[in-house]
Amino acid sequence: MDVEFLKSIFEKRFAVPDNYQVAKLTPQQMENLGTVKSDLCDRMELHL
């Protein structure tokens, strides 16, 4: 999943973008749990 897309969700207080559904985004988000991709974990954890 694109880091900028995830960042935009975070910046909007985790609101789902208009063109997306939670049911479709959830499996993609679950795949990112425990990721070793530094772009997906390092940038996001700085904000949490």
PDB file of N, CA and C in Angstrom:
ATOM      1  N   MET A   1       0.844  -1.168   0.000  1.00  0.00           N
ATOM      2  CA  MET A   1       0.000   0.000   0.000  1.00  0.00           C
ATOM      3  C   MET A   1       0.891   1.233   0.000  1.00  0.00           C
ATOM      4  N   ASP A   2       0.488   2.236  -0.702  1.00  0.00           N
ATOM      5  CA  ASP A   2       1.258   3.465  -0.866  1.00  0.00           C
ATOM      6  C   ASP A   2       1.373   4.221   0.462  1.00  0.00           C
ATOM      7  N   VAL A   3       2.586   4.618   0.795  1.00  0.00           N
ATOM      8  CA  VAL A   3       2.840   5.324   2.045  1.00  0.00           C
ATOM      9  C   VAL A   3       2.093   6.653   2.089  1.00  0.00           C
ATOM     10  N   GLU A   4       2.058   7.363   0.988  1.00  0.00           N
ATOM     11  CA  GLU A   4       1.361   8.655   0.965  1.00  0.00           C
ATOM     12  C   GLU A   4      -0.140   8.477   1.203  1.00  0.00           C
ATOM     13  N   PHE A   5      -0.704   7.400   0.695  1.00  0.00           N
ATOM     14  CA  PHE A   5      -2.113   7.105   0.923  1.00  0.00           C
ATOM     15  C   PHE A   5      -2.366   6.867   2.409  1.00  0.00           C
ATOM     16  N   LEU A   6      -1.509   6.066   3.037  1.00  0.00           N
ATOM     17  CA  LEU A   6      -1.647   5.814   4.471  1.00  0.00           C
ATOM     18  C   LEU A   6      -1.476   7.083   5.286  1.00  0.00           C
ATOM     19  N   LYS A   7      -0.540   7.903   4.873  1.00  0.00           N
ATOM     20  CA  LYS A   7      -0.302   9.167   5.561  1.00  0.00           C
ATOM     21  C   LYS A   7      -1.533  10.074   5.472  1.00  0.00           C
ATOM     22  N   SER A   8      -2.189  10.087   4.324  1.00  0.00           N
ATOM     23  CA  SER A   8      -3.383  10.929   4.159  1.00  0.00           C
ATOM     24  C   SER A   8      -4.513  10.449   5.072  1.00  0.00           C
ATOM     25  N   ILE A   9      -4.639   9.132   5.248  1.00  0.00           N
ATOM     26  CA  ILE A   9      -5.651   8.597   6.165  1.00  0.00           C
ATOM     27  C   ILE A   9      -5.325   9.020   7.596  1.00  0.00           C
ATOM     28  N   PHE A  10      -4.072   8.908   7.964  1.00  0.00           N
ATOM     29  CA  PHE A  10      -3.648   9.307   9.306  1.00  0.00           C
ATOM     30  C   PHE A  10      -3.928  10.785   9.566  1.00  0.00           C
ATOM     31  N   GLU A  11      -3.574  11.622   8.601  1.00  0.00           N
ATOM     32  CA  GLU A  11      -3.744  13.071   8.762  1.00  0.00           C
ATOM     33  C   GLU A  11      -5.210  13.487   8.851  1.00  0.00           C
ATOM     34  N   LYS A  12      -6.098  12.659   8.317  1.00  0.00           N
ATOM     35  CA  LYS A  12      -7.539  12.959   8.378  1.00  0.00           C
ATOM     36  C   LYS A  12      -8.196  12.243   9.552  1.00  0.00           C
ATOM     37  N   ARG A  13      -7.381  11.942  10.580  1.00  0.00           N
ATOM     38  CA  ARG A  13      -7.870  11.286  11.797  1.00  0.00           C
ATOM     39  C   ARG A  13      -8.488   9.935  11.495  1.00  0.00           C
ATOM     40  N   PHE A  14      -7.845   9.213  10.575  1.00  0.00           N
ATOM     41  CA  PHE A  14      -8.198   7.848  10.192  1.00  0.00           C
ATOM     42  C   PHE A  14      -9.549   7.728   9.494  1.00  0.00           C
ATOM     43  N   ALA A  15      -9.976   8.799   8.876  1.00  0.00           N
ATOM     44  CA  ALA A  15     -11.211   8.757   8.090  1.00  0.00           C
ATOM     45  C   ALA A  15     -10.943   8.030   6.777  1.00  0.00           C
ATOM     46  N   VAL A  16     -11.885   7.213   6.371  1.00  0.00           N
ATOM     47  CA  VAL A  16     -11.765   6.476   5.114  1.00  0.00           C
ATOM     48  C   VAL A  16     -12.026   7.446   3.959  1.00  0.00           C
ATOM     49  N   PRO A  17     -11.150   7.481   2.959  1.00  0.00           N
ATOM     50  CA  PRO A  17     -11.369   8.356   1.804  1.00  0.00           C
ATOM     51  C   PRO A  17     -12.705   8.053   1.120  1.00  0.00           C
ATOM     52  N   ASP A  18     -13.282   9.051   0.494  1.00  0.00           N
ATOM     53  CA  ASP A  18     -14.606   8.937  -0.122  1.00  0.00           C
ATOM     54  C   ASP A  18     -14.742   7.786  -1.113  1.00  0.00           C
ATOM     55  N   ASN A  19     -13.725   7.504  -1.869  1.00  0.00           N
ATOM     56  CA  ASN A  19     -13.807   6.483  -2.921  1.00  0.00           C
ATOM     57  C   ASN A  19     -13.481   5.074  -2.436  1.00  0.00           C
ATOM     58  N   TYR A  20     -13.366   4.874  -1.122  1.00  0.00           N
ATOM     59  CA  TYR A  20     -12.960   3.583  -0.571  1.00  0.00           C
ATOM     60  C   TYR A  20     -13.971   3.094   0.453  1.00  0.00           C
ATOM     61  N   GLN A  21     -13.934   1.780   0.690  1.00  0.00           N
ATOM     62  CA  GLN A  21     -14.785   1.166   1.705  1.00  0.00           C
ATOM     63  C   GLN A  21     -13.905   0.503   2.753  1.00  0.00           C
ATOM     64  N   VAL A  22     -14.322   0.597   3.997  1.00  0.00           N
ATOM     65  CA  VAL A  22     -13.550  -0.005   5.090  1.00  0.00           C
ATOM     66  C   VAL A  22     -13.328  -1.492   4.834  1.00  0.00           C
ATOM     67  N   ALA A  23     -14.359  -2.172   4.372  1.00  0.00           N
ATOM     68  CA  ALA A  23     -14.259  -3.622   4.145  1.00  0.00           C
ATOM     69  C   ALA A  23     -13.188  -3.984   3.124  1.00  0.00           C
ATOM     70  N   LYS A  24     -12.916  -3.106   2.194  1.00  0.00           N
ATOM     71  CA  LYS A  24     -11.880  -3.381   1.188  1.00  0.00           C
ATOM     72  C   LYS A  24     -10.492  -2.953   1.665  1.00  0.00           C
ATOM     73  N   LEU A  25     -10.428  -1.935   2.508  1.00  0.00           N
ATOM     74  CA  LEU A  25      -9.135  -1.463   2.999  1.00  0.00           C
ATOM     75  C   LEU A  25      -8.588  -2.319   4.138  1.00  0.00           C
ATOM     76  N   THR A  26      -9.466  -2.904   4.936  1.00  0.00           N
ATOM     77  CA  THR A  26      -9.031  -3.651   6.116  1.00  0.00           C
ATOM     78  C   THR A  26      -8.087  -4.800   5.781  1.00  0.00           C
ATOM     79  N   PRO A  27      -8.392  -5.662   4.812  1.00  0.00           N
ATOM     80  CA  PRO A  27      -7.438  -6.749   4.507  1.00  0.00           C
ATOM     81  C   PRO A  27      -6.064  -6.223   4.075  1.00  0.00           C
ATOM     82  N   GLN A  28      -6.051  -5.134   3.352  1.00  0.00           N
ATOM     83  CA  GLN A  28      -4.771  -4.554   2.928  1.00  0.00           C
ATOM     84  C   GLN A  28      -3.996  -4.034   4.132  1.00  0.00           C
ATOM     85  N   GLN A  29      -4.700  -3.426   5.075  1.00  0.00           N
ATOM     86  CA  GLN A  29      -4.047  -2.920   6.282  1.00  0.00           C
ATOM     87  C   GLN A  29      -3.512  -4.067   7.133  1.00  0.00           C
ATOM     88  N   MET A  30      -4.271  -5.141   7.208  1.00  0.00           N
ATOM     89  CA  MET A  30      -3.848  -6.299   7.997  1.00  0.00           C
ATOM     90  C   MET A  30      -2.560  -6.902   7.445  1.00  0.00           C
ATOM     91  N   GLU A  31      -2.396  -6.856   6.134  1.00  0.00           N
ATOM     92  CA  GLU A  31      -1.177  -7.369   5.516  1.00  0.00           C
ATOM     93  C   GLU A  31       0.048  -6.568   5.941  1.00  0.00           C
ATOM     94  N   ASN A  32      -0.154  -5.302   6.299  1.00  0.00           N
ATOM     95  CA  ASN A  32       0.966  -4.438   6.677  1.00  0.00           C
ATOM     96  C   ASN A  32       1.383  -4.594   8.135  1.00  0.00           C
ATOM     97  N   LEU A  33       0.584  -5.277   8.952  1.00  0.00           N
ATOM     98  CA  LEU A  33       0.965  -5.480  10.346  1.00  0.00           C
ATOM     99  C   LEU A  33       2.245  -6.285  10.417  1.00  0.00           C
ATOM    100  N   GLY A  34       3.196  -5.810  11.183  1.00  0.00           N
ATOM    101  CA  GLY A  34       4.462  -6.513  11.322  1.00  0.00           C
ATOM    102  C   GLY A  34       5.372  -6.380  10.123  1.00  0.00           C
ATOM    103  N   THR A  35       5.113  -5.412   9.285  1.00  0.00           N
ATOM    104  CA  THR A  35       5.919  -5.241   8.081  1.00  0.00           C
ATOM    105  C   THR A  35       7.364  -4.898   8.414  1.00  0.00           C
ATOM    106  N   VAL A  36       8.231  -5.287   7.531  1.00  0.00           N
ATOM    107  CA  VAL A  36       9.640  -4.927   7.664  1.00  0.00           C
ATOM    108  C   VAL A  36      10.002  -3.811   6.679  1.00  0.00           C
ATOM    109  N   LYS A  37       8.999  -3.341   5.959  1.00  0.00           N
ATOM    110  CA  LYS A  37       9.225  -2.243   5.024  1.00  0.00           C
ATOM    111  C   LYS A  37       9.349  -0.954   5.820  1.00  0.00           C
ATOM    112  N   SER A  38      10.502  -0.361   5.803  1.00  0.00           N
ATOM    113  CA  SER A  38      10.733   0.818   6.631  1.00  0.00           C
ATOM    114  C   SER A  38       9.808   1.972   6.281  1.00  0.00           C
ATOM    115  N   ASP A  39       9.418   2.109   5.014  1.00  0.00           N
ATOM    116  CA  ASP A  39       8.506   3.193   4.640  1.00  0.00           C
ATOM    117  C   ASP A  39       7.152   3.046   5.312  1.00  0.00           C
ATOM    118  N   LEU A  40       6.710   1.820   5.537  1.00  0.00           N
ATOM    119  CA  LEU A  40       5.395   1.592   6.120  1.00  0.00           C
ATOM    120  C   LEU A  40       5.409   1.639   7.640  1.00  0.00           C
ATOM    121  N   CYS A  41       6.507   1.291   8.276  1.00  0.00           N
ATOM    122  CA  CYS A  41       6.491   1.263   9.734  1.00  0.00           C
ATOM    123  C   CYS A  41       7.186   2.468  10.357  1.00  0.00           C
ATOM    124  N   ASP A  42       8.337   2.851   9.888  1.00  0.00           N
ATOM    125  CA  ASP A  42       9.081   3.933  10.524  1.00  0.00           C
ATOM    126  C   ASP A  42       8.356   5.266  10.458  1.00  0.00           C
ATOM    127  N   ARG A  43       7.841   5.615   9.301  1.00  0.00           N
ATOM    128  CA  ARG A  43       7.175   6.909   9.157  1.00  0.00           C
ATOM    129  C   ARG A  43       5.893   6.999   9.974  1.00  0.00           C
ATOM    130  N   MET A  44       5.132   5.925   9.994  1.00  0.00           N
ATOM    131  CA  MET A  44       3.853   5.954  10.687  1.00  0.00           C
ATOM    132  C   MET A  44       4.024   5.943  12.199  1.00  0.00           C
ATOM    133  N   GLU A  45       5.014   5.210  12.705  1.00  0.00           N
ATOM    134  CA  GLU A  45       5.161   5.118  14.151  1.00  0.00           C
ATOM    135  C   GLU A  45       5.646   6.427  14.759  1.00  0.00           C
ATOM    136  N   LEU A  46       6.249   7.283  13.973  1.00  0.00           N
ATOM    137  CA  LEU A  46       6.666   8.573  14.482  1.00  0.00           C
ATOM    138  C   LEU A  46       5.472   9.433  14.899  1.00  0.00           C
ATOM    139  N   HIS A  47       4.339   9.187  14.277  1.00  0.00           N
ATOM    140  CA  HIS A  47       3.147   9.983  14.543  1.00  0.00           C
ATOM    141  C   HIS A  47       2.263   9.394  15.638  1.00  0.00           C
ATOM    142  N   LEU A  48       2.466   8.150  15.958  1.00  0.00           N
ATOM    143  CA  LEU A  48       1.568   7.488  16.923  1.00  0.00           C
ATOM    144  C   LEU A  48       1.962   7.717  18.342  1.00  0.00           C
TER     145      LEU A  48
END
